[in-house]
Amino acid sequence: MEMQESTLFVGEFHRTIDEKGRLTIPANWRPKTGGMDISYLALPTPDGNISVYPPKMVAQLEARISQVSIGDIEGQKAITELMSMAHSFTCDKQGRINLNDRLVGHAKIQKDVVLIGKLSTFSLFSDEGYEKFQSSYTVDGGTKAAVFQRFGL
């Protein structure tokens, strides 16, 4: 089940969860599949937001997780904890998604959500969580340049 064209998740979008708990994904982030259902995977992050993986990234994650030995007790516990909070979902015809209560609680999302594209994945923040993230990332231009250089940019 391959997407007809690759979706790039870029930009910042502010959305509100509706009365039925649905969140509308930006139109240019929605799957372009010709009617096929595409499943995404939402995971909690250690810094209190939600990271959303499209199918090609889910496949990479699955390959990495499958390499964790059953004898690696710490690794297995971490996988169990992470996946117990994970949520798999598809977009409806209007581009809306539902997240499970554990993820919404983890990110402290009330009504307003900030969606941040990270090229191959995207993150969901509460308004307060995104403000906290932004204020925690105040590095000088030289440090940012060094980080970008690490990525070959």
C-alpha atoms as a PDB file:
ATOM      1  CA  MET A   1       0.000   0.000   0.000  1.00  0.00           C
ATOM      2  CA  GLU A   2       2.167   2.833  -1.262  1.00  0.00           C
ATOM      3  CA  MET A   3       1.157   6.465  -1.498  1.00  0.00           C
ATOM      4  CA  GLN A   4       0.973   7.871  -5.014  1.00  0.00           C
ATOM      5  CA  GLU A   5       3.131  10.809  -4.053  1.00  0.00           C
ATOM      6  CA  SER A   6       5.181  11.553  -0.985  1.00  0.00           C
ATOM      7  CA  THR A   7       3.729  14.017   1.491  1.00  0.00           C
ATOM      8  CA  LEU A   8       6.097  16.550   3.005  1.00  0.00           C
ATOM      9  CA  PHE A   9       5.105  17.791   6.424  1.00  0.00           C
ATOM     10  CA  VAL A  10       6.285  21.398   6.668  1.00  0.00           C
ATOM     11  CA  GLY A  11       4.979  24.524   8.336  1.00  0.00           C
ATOM     12  CA  GLU A  12       3.131  25.531  11.472  1.00  0.00           C
ATOM     13  CA  PHE A  13      -0.646  25.276  11.770  1.00  0.00           C
ATOM     14  CA  HIS A  14      -3.005  26.192  14.591  1.00  0.00           C
ATOM     15  CA  ARG A  15      -6.170  24.122  14.920  1.00  0.00           C
ATOM     16  CA  THR A  16      -8.970  23.504  17.389  1.00  0.00           C
ATOM     17  CA  ILE A  17     -10.355  20.125  18.406  1.00  0.00           C
ATOM     18  CA  ASP A  18     -14.088  20.042  17.637  1.00  0.00           C
ATOM     19  CA  GLU A  19     -16.877  18.991  20.026  1.00  0.00           C
ATOM     20  CA  LYS A  20     -16.523  15.356  18.911  1.00  0.00           C
ATOM     21  CA  GLY A  21     -12.779  15.304  19.654  1.00  0.00           C
ATOM     22  CA  ARG A  22     -11.666  15.553  16.017  1.00  0.00           C
ATOM     23  CA  LEU A  23      -8.647  17.459  14.765  1.00  0.00           C
ATOM     24  CA  THR A  24      -8.418  18.635  11.142  1.00  0.00           C
ATOM     25  CA  ILE A  25      -5.090  17.980   9.449  1.00  0.00           C
ATOM     26  CA  PRO A  26      -3.831  20.628   6.968  1.00  0.00           C
ATOM     27  CA  ALA A  27      -5.029  19.848   3.439  1.00  0.00           C
ATOM     28  CA  ASN A  28      -1.510  19.558   2.007  1.00  0.00           C
ATOM     29  CA  TRP A  29      -0.607  17.000   4.725  1.00  0.00           C
ATOM     30  CA  ARG A  30      -3.496  14.679   3.948  1.00  0.00           C
ATOM     31  CA  PRO A  31      -2.834  11.424   2.126  1.00  0.00           C
ATOM     32  CA  LYS A  32      -3.184  11.547  -1.633  1.00  0.00           C
ATOM     33  CA  THR A  33      -4.126   7.923  -2.120  1.00  0.00           C
ATOM     34  CA  GLY A  34      -7.065   7.812  -4.469  1.00  0.00           C
ATOM     35  CA  GLY A  35      -9.452   6.624  -1.760  1.00  0.00           C
ATOM     36  CA  MET A  36      -7.185   4.125   0.026  1.00  0.00           C
ATOM     37  CA  ASP A  37      -7.059   4.325   3.816  1.00  0.00           C
ATOM     38  CA  ILE A  38      -3.608   5.222   5.068  1.00  0.00           C
ATOM     39  CA  SER A  39      -2.797   4.514   8.719  1.00  0.00           C
ATOM     40  CA  TYR A  40      -0.660   6.869  10.763  1.00  0.00           C
ATOM     41  CA  LEU A  41       0.942   6.139  14.122  1.00  0.00           C
ATOM     42  CA  ALA A  42       0.904   8.705  16.928  1.00  0.00           C
ATOM     43  CA  LEU A  43       3.434   8.302  19.740  1.00  0.00           C
ATOM     44  CA  PRO A  44       4.117  10.244  22.941  1.00  0.00           C
ATOM     45  CA  THR A  45       7.475  11.994  23.102  1.00  0.00           C
ATOM     46  CA  PRO A  46       9.600  12.396  26.235  1.00  0.00           C
ATOM     47  CA  ASP A  47       9.221  16.180  26.069  1.00  0.00           C
ATOM     48  CA  GLY A  48       5.405  16.101  26.294  1.00  0.00           C
ATOM     49  CA  ASN A  49       4.120  16.340  22.744  1.00  0.00           C
ATOM     50  CA  ILE A  50       2.864  13.842  20.170  1.00  0.00           C
ATOM     51  CA  SER A  51       4.883  12.666  17.194  1.00  0.00           C
ATOM     52  CA  VAL A  52       2.926  11.395  14.174  1.00  0.00           C
ATOM     53  CA  TYR A  53       4.469   8.930  11.734  1.00  0.00           C
ATOM     54  CA  PRO A  54       3.152   8.257   8.204  1.00  0.00           C
ATOM     55  CA  PRO A  55       3.278   4.713   6.766  1.00  0.00           C
ATOM     56  CA  LYS A  56       6.833   4.856   5.375  1.00  0.00           C
ATOM     57  CA  MET A  57       8.171   6.025   8.748  1.00  0.00           C
ATOM     58  CA  VAL A  58       6.086   3.405  10.582  1.00  0.00           C
ATOM     59  CA  ALA A  59       7.766   0.736   8.453  1.00  0.00           C
ATOM     60  CA  GLN A  60      11.208   2.063   9.442  1.00  0.00           C
ATOM     61  CA  LEU A  61      10.225   2.190  13.106  1.00  0.00           C
ATOM     62  CA  GLU A  62       8.875  -1.360  12.932  1.00  0.00           C
ATOM     63  CA  ALA A  63      12.154  -2.580  11.422  1.00  0.00           C
ATOM     64  CA  ARG A  64      14.165  -0.946  14.225  1.00  0.00           C
ATOM     65  CA  ILE A  65      11.908  -2.237  16.995  1.00  0.00           C
ATOM     66  CA  SER A  66      11.973  -5.755  15.590  1.00  0.00           C
ATOM     67  CA  GLN A  67      15.747  -5.733  16.125  1.00  0.00           C
ATOM     68  CA  VAL A  68      15.388  -5.306  19.905  1.00  0.00           C
ATOM     69  CA  SER A  69      16.236  -8.650  21.446  1.00  0.00           C
ATOM     70  CA  ILE A  70      13.698 -10.323  23.702  1.00  0.00           C
ATOM     71  CA  GLY A  71      16.572 -10.570  26.183  1.00  0.00           C
ATOM     72  CA  ASP A  72      16.951  -6.788  26.232  1.00  0.00           C
ATOM     73  CA  ILE A  73      14.612  -6.312  29.200  1.00  0.00           C
ATOM     74  CA  GLU A  74      15.097  -2.541  29.359  1.00  0.00           C
ATOM     75  CA  GLY A  75      14.445  -2.184  25.616  1.00  0.00           C
ATOM     76  CA  GLN A  76      11.349  -4.399  25.790  1.00  0.00           C
ATOM     77  CA  LYS A  77       9.969  -2.397  28.721  1.00  0.00           C
ATOM     78  CA  ALA A  78      10.528   0.874  26.848  1.00  0.00           C
ATOM     79  CA  ILE A  79       8.776  -0.509  23.755  1.00  0.00           C
ATOM     80  CA  THR A  80       5.872  -1.778  25.874  1.00  0.00           C
ATOM     81  CA  GLU A  81       5.436   1.594  27.578  1.00  0.00           C
ATOM     82  CA  LEU A  82       5.684   3.522  24.301  1.00  0.00           C
ATOM     83  CA  MET A  83       3.308   1.295  22.360  1.00  0.00           C
ATOM     84  CA  SER A  84       0.764   1.148  25.187  1.00  0.00           C
ATOM     85  CA  MET A  85       0.183   4.877  24.628  1.00  0.00           C
ATOM     86  CA  ALA A  86       0.461   4.743  20.829  1.00  0.00           C
ATOM     87  CA  HIS A  87      -2.540   5.299  18.611  1.00  0.00           C
ATOM     88  CA  SER A  88      -3.072   4.223  15.016  1.00  0.00           C
ATOM     89  CA  PHE A  89      -5.548   6.245  12.975  1.00  0.00           C
ATOM     90  CA  THR A  90      -6.679   7.250   9.500  1.00  0.00           C
ATOM     91  CA  CYS A  91      -8.070  10.563   8.240  1.00  0.00           C
ATOM     92  CA  ASP A  92     -11.751  10.791   7.431  1.00  0.00           C
ATOM     93  CA  LYS A  93     -12.924  12.335   4.127  1.00  0.00           C
ATOM     94  CA  GLN A  94     -12.699  15.830   5.650  1.00  0.00           C
ATOM     95  CA  GLY A  95      -9.118  15.246   6.829  1.00  0.00           C
ATOM     96  CA  ARG A  96     -10.003  14.851  10.493  1.00  0.00           C
ATOM     97  CA  ILE A  97      -8.401  12.508  12.991  1.00  0.00           C
ATOM     98  CA  ASN A  98      -9.178  11.358  16.523  1.00  0.00           C
ATOM     99  CA  LEU A  99      -6.489  10.791  19.133  1.00  0.00           C
ATOM    100  CA  ASN A 100      -6.813   8.571  22.179  1.00  0.00           C
ATOM    101  CA  ASP A 101      -7.290  10.119  25.608  1.00  0.00           C
ATOM    102  CA  ARG A 102      -3.875   8.994  26.882  1.00  0.00           C
ATOM    103  CA  LEU A 103      -2.051  10.882  24.115  1.00  0.00           C
ATOM    104  CA  VAL A 104      -4.211  13.975  24.544  1.00  0.00           C
ATOM    105  CA  GLY A 105      -3.493  13.872  28.289  1.00  0.00           C
ATOM    106  CA  HIS A 106       0.223  13.304  27.692  1.00  0.00           C
ATOM    107  CA  ALA A 107       0.424  16.446  25.538  1.00  0.00           C
ATOM    108  CA  LYS A 108      -1.931  18.358  27.881  1.00  0.00           C
ATOM    109  CA  ILE A 109      -4.098  19.299  24.915  1.00  0.00           C
ATOM    110  CA  GLN A 110      -7.355  20.979  25.894  1.00  0.00           C
ATOM    111  CA  LYS A 111      -8.875  22.480  22.760  1.00  0.00           C
ATOM    112  CA  ASP A 112      -6.155  24.295  20.802  1.00  0.00           C
ATOM    113  CA  VAL A 113      -3.444  22.340  18.991  1.00  0.00           C
ATOM    114  CA  VAL A 114      -0.290  23.439  17.176  1.00  0.00           C
ATOM    115  CA  LEU A 115       0.822  21.158  14.333  1.00  0.00           C
ATOM    116  CA  ILE A 116       4.490  21.416  13.387  1.00  0.00           C
ATOM    117  CA  GLY A 117       5.845  19.747  10.277  1.00  0.00           C
ATOM    118  CA  LYS A 118       9.201  17.985  10.537  1.00  0.00           C
ATOM    119  CA  LEU A 119       9.472  16.928   6.862  1.00  0.00           C
ATOM    120  CA  SER A 120       8.867  13.176   7.225  1.00  0.00           C
ATOM    121  CA  THR A 121       6.782  13.348  10.446  1.00  0.00           C
ATOM    122  CA  PHE A 122       4.794  15.972  12.304  1.00  0.00           C
ATOM    123  CA  SER A 123       4.270  16.923  15.928  1.00  0.00           C
ATOM    124  CA  LEU A 124       1.198  17.964  17.880  1.00  0.00           C
ATOM    125  CA  PHE A 125       1.559  20.375  20.796  1.00  0.00           C
ATOM    126  CA  SER A 126      -0.821  22.086  23.165  1.00  0.00           C
ATOM    127  CA  ASP A 127      -0.524  25.879  22.831  1.00  0.00           C
ATOM    128  CA  GLU A 128       1.285  25.999  26.168  1.00  0.00           C
ATOM    129  CA  GLY A 129       3.526  23.081  25.230  1.00  0.00           C
ATOM    130  CA  TYR A 130       4.571  24.775  22.004  1.00  0.00           C
ATOM    131  CA  GLU A 131       5.314  28.056  23.792  1.00  0.00           C
ATOM    132  CA  LYS A 132       7.455  26.111  26.277  1.00  0.00           C
ATOM    133  CA  PHE A 133       9.241  24.321  23.411  1.00  0.00           C
ATOM    134  CA  GLN A 134       9.948  27.597  21.614  1.00  0.00           C
ATOM    135  CA  SER A 135      11.293  29.287  24.732  1.00  0.00           C
ATOM    136  CA  SER A 136      13.535  26.299  25.482  1.00  0.00           C
ATOM    137  CA  TYR A 137      15.113  26.465  22.020  1.00  0.00           C
ATOM    138  CA  THR A 138      16.867  29.817  22.017  1.00  0.00           C
ATOM    139  CA  VAL A 139      20.296  29.067  20.614  1.00  0.00           C
ATOM    140  CA  ASP A 140      22.556  31.406  18.735  1.00  0.00           C
ATOM    141  CA  GLY A 141      22.964  31.332  14.969  1.00  0.00           C
ATOM    142  CA  GLY A 142      26.349  29.604  15.122  1.00  0.00           C
ATOM    143  CA  THR A 143      24.974  26.719  17.172  1.00  0.00           C
ATOM    144  CA  LYS A 144      22.008  26.349  14.811  1.00  0.00           C
ATOM    145  CA  ALA A 145      24.386  26.359  11.851  1.00  0.00           C
ATOM    146  CA  ALA A 146      26.423  23.572  13.462  1.00  0.00           C
ATOM    147  CA  VAL A 147      23.284  21.500  14.010  1.00  0.00           C
ATOM    148  CA  PHE A 148      22.187  22.029  10.394  1.00  0.00           C
ATOM    149  CA  GLN A 149      25.658  21.084   9.230  1.00  0.00           C
ATOM    150  CA  ARG A 150      25.329  17.760  11.086  1.00  0.00           C
ATOM    151  CA  PHE A 151      22.334  17.058   8.851  1.00  0.00           C
ATOM    152  CA  GLY A 152      24.231  18.011   5.712  1.00  0.00           C
ATOM    153  CA  LEU A 153      22.349  21.283   5.210  1.00  0.00           C
END
